[in-house]
Amino acid sequence: SNTTTARDLGVLLAAVATGDRLSPESRASMLGI
């Protein structure tokens, strides 16, 4: 099964919000969804 921890989900959400792997436009688009 797919598994996770609260820490890893937190790291993932922080990457969506502020991470440098994506452009600001893509981060804003994902947060909008």
PDB file of all heavy atoms in Angstrom:
ATOM      1  N   SER A   1       0.833  -1.198   0.000  1.00  0.00           N
ATOM      2  CA  SER A   1       0.000   0.000   0.000  1.00  0.00           C
ATOM      3  C   SER A   1       0.868   1.248   0.000  1.00  0.00           C
ATOM      4  O   SER A   1       2.042   1.218   0.381  1.00  0.00           O
ATOM      5  CB  SER A   1      -0.914   0.016   1.230  1.00  0.00           C
ATOM      6  OG  SER A   1      -1.858  -1.042   1.180  1.00  0.00           O
ATOM      7  N   ASN A   2       0.281   2.342  -0.435  1.00  0.00           N
ATOM      8  CA  ASN A   2       0.955   3.639  -0.356  1.00  0.00           C
ATOM      9  C   ASN A   2       0.997   4.073   1.104  1.00  0.00           C
ATOM     10  O   ASN A   2      -0.013   4.042   1.797  1.00  0.00           O
ATOM     11  CB  ASN A   2       0.198   4.674  -1.185  1.00  0.00           C
ATOM     12  CG  ASN A   2       0.060   4.264  -2.633  1.00  0.00           C
ATOM     13  OD1 ASN A   2       1.007   3.787  -3.249  1.00  0.00           O
ATOM     14  ND2 ASN A   2      -1.123   4.448  -3.193  1.00  0.00           N
ATOM     15  N   THR A   3       2.161   4.470   1.576  1.00  0.00           N
ATOM     16  CA  THR A   3       2.321   4.849   2.982  1.00  0.00           C
ATOM     17  C   THR A   3       3.074   6.171   3.082  1.00  0.00           C
ATOM     18  O   THR A   3       3.784   6.572   2.162  1.00  0.00           O
ATOM     19  CB  THR A   3       3.090   3.773   3.771  1.00  0.00           C
ATOM     20  OG1 THR A   3       4.375   3.564   3.167  1.00  0.00           O
ATOM     21  CG2 THR A   3       2.324   2.461   3.817  1.00  0.00           C
ATOM     22  N   THR A   4       2.910   6.810   4.221  1.00  0.00           N
ATOM     23  CA  THR A   4       3.633   8.050   4.470  1.00  0.00           C
ATOM     24  C   THR A   4       3.685   8.325   5.957  1.00  0.00           C
ATOM     25  O   THR A   4       3.073   7.622   6.758  1.00  0.00           O
ATOM     26  CB  THR A   4       2.977   9.242   3.740  1.00  0.00           C
ATOM     27  OG1 THR A   4       3.832  10.385   3.846  1.00  0.00           O
ATOM     28  CG2 THR A   4       1.613   9.576   4.323  1.00  0.00           C
ATOM     29  N   THR A   5       4.423   9.353   6.317  1.00  0.00           N
ATOM     30  CA  THR A   5       4.449   9.878   7.675  1.00  0.00           C
ATOM     31  C   THR A   5       3.991  11.324   7.617  1.00  0.00           C
ATOM     32  O   THR A   5       3.991  11.959   6.550  1.00  0.00           O
ATOM     33  CB  THR A   5       5.862   9.831   8.272  1.00  0.00           C
ATOM     34  OG1 THR A   5       6.713  10.723   7.520  1.00  0.00           O
ATOM     35  CG2 THR A   5       6.438   8.415   8.230  1.00  0.00           C
ATOM     36  N   ALA A   6       3.599  11.871   8.764  1.00  0.00           N
ATOM     37  CA  ALA A   6       3.220  13.280   8.810  1.00  0.00           C
ATOM     38  C   ALA A   6       4.394  14.162   8.405  1.00  0.00           C
ATOM     39  O   ALA A   6       4.229  15.174   7.713  1.00  0.00           O
ATOM     40  CB  ALA A   6       2.726  13.644  10.209  1.00  0.00           C
ATOM     41  N   ARG A   7       5.595  13.778   8.808  1.00  0.00           N
ATOM     42  CA  ARG A   7       6.782  14.559   8.447  1.00  0.00           C
ATOM     43  C   ARG A   7       6.947  14.623   6.931  1.00  0.00           C
ATOM     44  O   ARG A   7       7.189  15.696   6.360  1.00  0.00           O
ATOM     45  CB  ARG A   7       8.038  13.957   9.078  1.00  0.00           C
ATOM     46  CG  ARG A   7       9.303  14.782   8.813  1.00  0.00           C
ATOM     47  CD  ARG A   7      10.553  13.964   9.097  1.00  0.00           C
ATOM     48  NE  ARG A   7      10.647  13.534  10.474  1.00  0.00           N
ATOM     49  CZ  ARG A   7      11.246  14.225  11.449  1.00  0.00           C
ATOM     50  NH1 ARG A   7      11.797  15.390  11.160  1.00  0.00           N
ATOM     51  NH2 ARG A   7      11.299  13.752  12.680  1.00  0.00           N
ATOM     52  N   ASP A   8       6.831  13.488   6.261  1.00  0.00           N
ATOM     53  CA  ASP A   8       7.043  13.484   4.822  1.00  0.00           C
ATOM     54  C   ASP A   8       5.962  14.263   4.086  1.00  0.00           C
ATOM     55  O   ASP A   8       6.243  14.958   3.101  1.00  0.00           O
ATOM     56  CB  ASP A   8       7.107  12.047   4.314  1.00  0.00           C
ATOM     57  CG  ASP A   8       8.489  11.445   4.492  1.00  0.00           C
ATOM     58  OD1 ASP A   8       9.334  12.085   5.147  1.00  0.00           O
ATOM     59  OD2 ASP A   8       8.726  10.338   3.985  1.00  0.00           O
ATOM     60  N   LEU A   9       4.712  14.159   4.552  1.00  0.00           N
ATOM     61  CA  LEU A   9       3.663  14.976   3.948  1.00  0.00           C
ATOM     62  C   LEU A   9       3.941  16.459   4.166  1.00  0.00           C
ATOM     63  O   LEU A   9       3.692  17.293   3.287  1.00  0.00           O
ATOM     64  CB  LEU A   9       2.293  14.623   4.530  1.00  0.00           C
ATOM     65  CG  LEU A   9       1.580  13.420   3.923  1.00  0.00           C
ATOM     66  CD1 LEU A   9       0.259  13.176   4.655  1.00  0.00           C
ATOM     67  CD2 LEU A   9       1.318  13.633   2.430  1.00  0.00           C
ATOM     68  N   GLY A  10       4.474  16.794   5.334  1.00  0.00           N
ATOM     69  CA  GLY A  10       4.838  18.184   5.603  1.00  0.00           C
ATOM     70  C   GLY A  10       5.927  18.677   4.671  1.00  0.00           C
ATOM     71  O   GLY A  10       5.871  19.798   4.154  1.00  0.00           O
ATOM     72  N   VAL A  11       6.939  17.851   4.459  1.00  0.00           N
ATOM     73  CA  VAL A  11       8.009  18.204   3.522  1.00  0.00           C
ATOM     74  C   VAL A  11       7.441  18.405   2.117  1.00  0.00           C
ATOM     75  O   VAL A  11       7.822  19.346   1.394  1.00  0.00           O
ATOM     76  CB  VAL A  11       9.089  17.105   3.530  1.00  0.00           C
ATOM     77  CG1 VAL A  11      10.078  17.290   2.374  1.00  0.00           C
ATOM     78  CG2 VAL A  11       9.832  17.089   4.863  1.00  0.00           C
ATOM     79  N   LEU A  12       6.520  17.536   1.718  1.00  0.00           N
ATOM     80  CA  LEU A  12       5.911  17.625   0.395  1.00  0.00           C
ATOM     81  C   LEU A  12       5.110  18.917   0.245  1.00  0.00           C
ATOM     82  O   LEU A  12       5.242  19.635  -0.756  1.00  0.00           O
ATOM     83  CB  LEU A  12       5.014  16.405   0.170  1.00  0.00           C
ATOM     84  CG  LEU A  12       4.185  16.371  -1.113  1.00  0.00           C
ATOM     85  CD1 LEU A  12       5.074  16.432  -2.346  1.00  0.00           C
ATOM     86  CD2 LEU A  12       3.324  15.108  -1.140  1.00  0.00           C
ATOM     87  N   LEU A  13       4.282  19.249   1.246  1.00  0.00           N
ATOM     88  CA  LEU A  13       3.476  20.473   1.159  1.00  0.00           C
ATOM     89  C   LEU A  13       4.355  21.720   1.176  1.00  0.00           C
ATOM     90  O   LEU A  13       4.073  22.700   0.479  1.00  0.00           O
ATOM     91  CB  LEU A  13       2.481  20.514   2.316  1.00  0.00           C
ATOM     92  CG  LEU A  13       1.068  19.987   2.042  1.00  0.00           C
ATOM     93  CD1 LEU A  13       0.307  20.909   1.119  1.00  0.00           C
ATOM     94  CD2 LEU A  13       1.099  18.576   1.472  1.00  0.00           C
ATOM     95  N   ALA A  14       5.433  21.693   1.970  1.00  0.00           N
ATOM     96  CA  ALA A  14       6.350  22.839   1.982  1.00  0.00           C
ATOM     97  C   ALA A  14       7.007  23.020   0.620  1.00  0.00           C
ATOM     98  O   ALA A  14       7.216  24.149   0.163  1.00  0.00           O
ATOM     99  CB  ALA A  14       7.407  22.645   3.068  1.00  0.00           C
ATOM    100  N   ALA A  15       7.310  21.918  -0.062  1.00  0.00           N
ATOM    101  CA  ALA A  15       7.904  22.005  -1.404  1.00  0.00           C
ATOM    102  C   ALA A  15       6.919  22.601  -2.398  1.00  0.00           C
ATOM    103  O   ALA A  15       7.304  23.388  -3.280  1.00  0.00           O
ATOM    104  CB  ALA A  15       8.349  20.618  -1.862  1.00  0.00           C
ATOM    105  N   VAL A  16       5.649  22.225  -2.268  1.00  0.00           N
ATOM    106  CA  VAL A  16       4.628  22.802  -3.145  1.00  0.00           C
ATOM    107  C   VAL A  16       4.513  24.301  -2.909  1.00  0.00           C
ATOM    108  O   VAL A  16       4.374  25.092  -3.845  1.00  0.00           O
ATOM    109  CB  VAL A  16       3.268  22.112  -2.908  1.00  0.00           C
ATOM    110  CG1 VAL A  16       2.145  22.863  -3.614  1.00  0.00           C
ATOM    111  CG2 VAL A  16       3.306  20.662  -3.397  1.00  0.00           C
ATOM    112  N   ALA A  17       4.590  24.714  -1.645  1.00  0.00           N
ATOM    113  CA  ALA A  17       4.369  26.119  -1.297  1.00  0.00           C
ATOM    114  C   ALA A  17       5.570  27.007  -1.552  1.00  0.00           C
ATOM    115  O   ALA A  17       5.428  28.144  -2.017  1.00  0.00           O
ATOM    116  CB  ALA A  17       3.959  26.230   0.170  1.00  0.00           C
ATOM    117  N   THR A  18       6.769  26.503  -1.246  1.00  0.00           N
ATOM    118  CA  THR A  18       7.944  27.382  -1.262  1.00  0.00           C
ATOM    119  C   THR A  18       9.168  26.774  -1.923  1.00  0.00           C
ATOM    120  O   THR A  18      10.216  27.420  -1.975  1.00  0.00           O
ATOM    121  CB  THR A  18       8.334  27.775   0.182  1.00  0.00           C
ATOM    122  OG1 THR A  18       8.731  26.588   0.898  1.00  0.00           O
ATOM    123  CG2 THR A  18       7.188  28.437   0.919  1.00  0.00           C
ATOM    124  N   GLY A  19       9.085  25.549  -2.406  1.00  0.00           N
ATOM    125  CA  GLY A  19      10.261  24.868  -2.921  1.00  0.00           C
ATOM    126  C   GLY A  19      10.820  25.504  -4.180  1.00  0.00           C
ATOM    127  O   GLY A  19      10.118  26.195  -4.925  1.00  0.00           O
ATOM    128  N   ASP A  20      12.106  25.258  -4.435  1.00  0.00           N
ATOM    129  CA  ASP A  20      12.772  25.859  -5.587  1.00  0.00           C
ATOM    130  C   ASP A  20      12.843  24.927  -6.790  1.00  0.00           C
ATOM    131  O   ASP A  20      13.478  25.261  -7.799  1.00  0.00           O
ATOM    132  CB  ASP A  20      14.173  26.328  -5.213  1.00  0.00           C
ATOM    133  CG  ASP A  20      15.044  25.190  -4.675  1.00  0.00           C
ATOM    134  OD1 ASP A  20      14.599  24.028  -4.700  1.00  0.00           O
ATOM    135  OD2 ASP A  20      16.167  25.480  -4.220  1.00  0.00           O
ATOM    136  N   ARG A  21      12.193  23.771  -6.711  1.00  0.00           N
ATOM    137  CA  ARG A  21      12.192  22.856  -7.857  1.00  0.00           C
ATOM    138  C   ARG A  21      11.243  23.326  -8.956  1.00  0.00           C
ATOM    139  O   ARG A  21      11.344  22.873 -10.098  1.00  0.00           O
ATOM    140  CB  ARG A  21      11.772  21.443  -7.406  1.00  0.00           C
ATOM    141  CG  ARG A  21      12.766  20.702  -6.540  1.00  0.00           C
ATOM    142  CD  ARG A  21      13.949  20.209  -7.363  1.00  0.00           C
ATOM    143  NE  ARG A  21      13.539  19.385  -8.484  1.00  0.00           N
ATOM    144  CZ  ARG A  21      13.313  18.076  -8.422  1.00  0.00           C
ATOM    145  NH1 ARG A  21      13.464  17.440  -7.268  1.00  0.00           N
ATOM    146  NH2 ARG A  21      12.962  17.396  -9.485  1.00  0.00           N
ATOM    147  N   LEU A  22      10.293  24.197  -8.614  1.00  0.00           N
ATOM    148  CA  LEU A  22       9.274  24.625  -9.557  1.00  0.00           C
ATOM    149  C   LEU A  22       9.249  26.137  -9.674  1.00  0.00           C
ATOM    150  O   LEU A  22       9.697  26.857  -8.774  1.00  0.00           O
ATOM    151  CB  LEU A  22       7.890  24.135  -9.101  1.00  0.00           C
ATOM    152  CG  LEU A  22       7.622  22.647  -9.246  1.00  0.00           C
ATOM    153  CD1 LEU A  22       6.475  22.236  -8.351  1.00  0.00           C
ATOM    154  CD2 LEU A  22       7.299  22.299 -10.687  1.00  0.00           C
ATOM    155  N   SER A  23       8.705  26.618 -10.763  1.00  0.00           N
ATOM    156  CA  SER A  23       8.548  28.057 -10.945  1.00  0.00           C
ATOM    157  C   SER A  23       7.456  28.576 -10.011  1.00  0.00           C
ATOM    158  O   SER A  23       6.585  27.831  -9.563  1.00  0.00           O
ATOM    159  CB  SER A  23       8.139  28.351 -12.387  1.00  0.00           C
ATOM    160  OG  SER A  23       6.831  27.839 -12.640  1.00  0.00           O
ATOM    161  N   PRO A  24       7.498  29.872  -9.693  1.00  0.00           N
ATOM    162  CA  PRO A  24       6.427  30.461  -8.885  1.00  0.00           C
ATOM    163  C   PRO A  24       5.045  30.245  -9.506  1.00  0.00           C
ATOM    164  O   PRO A  24       4.064  30.060  -8.785  1.00  0.00           O
ATOM    165  CB  PRO A  24       6.796  31.949  -8.850  1.00  0.00           C
ATOM    166  CG  PRO A  24       8.271  31.981  -9.047  1.00  0.00           C
ATOM    167  CD  PRO A  24       8.571  30.845  -9.992  1.00  0.00           C
ATOM    168  N   GLU A  25       4.980  30.248 -10.841  1.00  0.00           N
ATOM    169  CA  GLU A  25       3.691  30.051 -11.511  1.00  0.00           C
ATOM    170  C   GLU A  25       3.141  28.653 -11.248  1.00  0.00           C
ATOM    171  O   GLU A  25       1.940  28.488 -10.994  1.00  0.00           O
ATOM    172  CB  GLU A  25       3.840  30.280 -13.017  1.00  0.00           C
ATOM    173  CG  GLU A  25       4.146  31.702 -13.419  1.00  0.00           C
ATOM    174  CD  GLU A  25       5.590  32.107 -13.176  1.00  0.00           C
ATOM    175  OE1 GLU A  25       6.443  31.212 -12.975  1.00  0.00           O
ATOM    176  OE2 GLU A  25       5.866  33.327 -13.188  1.00  0.00           O
ATOM    177  N   SER A  26       3.997  27.647 -11.288  1.00  0.00           N
ATOM    178  CA  SER A  26       3.547  26.280 -11.044  1.00  0.00           C
ATOM    179  C   SER A  26       3.153  26.086  -9.584  1.00  0.00           C
ATOM    180  O   SER A  26       2.163  25.414  -9.277  1.00  0.00           O
ATOM    181  CB  SER A  26       4.633  25.276 -11.433  1.00  0.00           C
ATOM    182  OG  SER A  26       4.752  25.181 -12.831  1.00  0.00           O
ATOM    183  N   ARG A  27       3.937  26.679  -8.678  1.00  0.00           N
ATOM    184  CA  ARG A  27       3.579  26.566  -7.262  1.00  0.00           C
ATOM    185  C   ARG A  27       2.224  27.220  -7.002  1.00  0.00           C
ATOM    186  O   ARG A  27       1.377  26.663  -6.297  1.00  0.00           O
ATOM    187  CB  ARG A  27       4.659  27.199  -6.382  1.00  0.00           C
ATOM    188  CG  ARG A  27       5.977  26.453  -6.411  1.00  0.00           C
ATOM    189  CD  ARG A  27       6.842  26.805  -5.205  1.00  0.00           C
ATOM    190  NE  ARG A  27       7.089  28.232  -5.094  1.00  0.00           N
ATOM    191  CZ  ARG A  27       8.110  28.875  -5.667  1.00  0.00           C
ATOM    192  NH1 ARG A  27       8.990  28.194  -6.394  1.00  0.00           N
ATOM    193  NH2 ARG A  27       8.272  30.181  -5.500  1.00  0.00           N
ATOM    194  N   ALA A  28       2.001  28.391  -7.585  1.00  0.00           N
ATOM    195  CA  ALA A  28       0.725  29.080  -7.404  1.00  0.00           C
ATOM    196  C   ALA A  28      -0.421  28.268  -7.993  1.00  0.00           C
ATOM    197  O   ALA A  28      -1.524  28.219  -7.420  1.00  0.00           O
ATOM    198  CB  ALA A  28       0.772  30.463  -8.053  1.00  0.00           C
ATOM    199  N   SER A  29      -0.181  27.620  -9.114  1.00  0.00           N
ATOM    200  CA  SER A  29      -1.215  26.805  -9.747  1.00  0.00           C
ATOM    201  C   SER A  29      -1.593  25.620  -8.862  1.00  0.00           C
ATOM    202  O   SER A  29      -2.784  25.323  -8.664  1.00  0.00           O
ATOM    203  CB  SER A  29      -0.735  26.314 -11.117  1.00  0.00           C
ATOM    204  OG  SER A  29      -1.705  25.485 -11.722  1.00  0.00           O
ATOM    205  N   MET A  30      -0.596  24.930  -8.312  1.00  0.00           N
ATOM    206  CA  MET A  30      -0.884  23.785  -7.436  1.00  0.00           C
ATOM    207  C   MET A  30      -1.596  24.216  -6.159  1.00  0.00           C
ATOM    208  O   MET A  30      -2.552  23.559  -5.712  1.00  0.00           O
ATOM    209  CB  MET A  30       0.415  23.043  -7.106  1.00  0.00           C
ATOM    210  CG  MET A  30       0.948  22.228  -8.259  1.00  0.00           C
ATOM    211  SD  MET A  30       2.319  21.146  -7.763  1.00  0.00           S
ATOM    212  CE  MET A  30       3.599  22.362  -7.471  1.00  0.00           C
ATOM    213  N   LEU A  31      -1.147  25.322  -5.571  1.00  0.00           N
ATOM    214  CA  LEU A  31      -1.822  25.812  -4.368  1.00  0.00           C
ATOM    215  C   LEU A  31      -3.266  26.199  -4.688  1.00  0.00           C
ATOM    216  O   LEU A  31      -4.175  25.980  -3.884  1.00  0.00           O
ATOM    217  CB  LEU A  31      -1.067  27.005  -3.788  1.00  0.00           C
ATOM    218  CG  LEU A  31       0.256  26.688  -3.100  1.00  0.00           C
ATOM    219  CD1 LEU A  31       1.004  27.971  -2.763  1.00  0.00           C
ATOM    220  CD2 LEU A  31       0.035  25.854  -1.832  1.00  0.00           C
ATOM    221  N   GLY A  32      -3.483  26.765  -5.875  1.00  0.00           N
ATOM    222  CA  GLY A  32      -4.837  27.116  -6.272  1.00  0.00           C
ATOM    223  C   GLY A  32      -5.744  25.899  -6.363  1.00  0.00           C
ATOM    224  O   GLY A  32      -6.907  25.934  -5.936  1.00  0.00           O
ATOM    225  N   ILE A  33      -5.215  24.814  -6.915  1.00  0.00           N
ATOM    226  CA  ILE A  33      -5.997  23.572  -6.985  1.00  0.00           C
ATOM    227  C   ILE A  33      -6.319  23.072  -5.583  1.00  0.00           C
ATOM    228  O   ILE A  33      -7.462  22.709  -5.275  1.00  0.00           O
ATOM    229  CB  ILE A  33      -5.239  22.504  -7.793  1.00  0.00           C
ATOM    230  CG1 ILE A  33      -5.101  22.925  -9.254  1.00  0.00           C
ATOM    231  CG2 ILE A  33      -5.950  21.148  -7.704  1.00  0.00           C
ATOM    232  CD1 ILE A  33      -4.189  22.040 -10.076  1.00  0.00           C
TER     233      ILE A  33
END
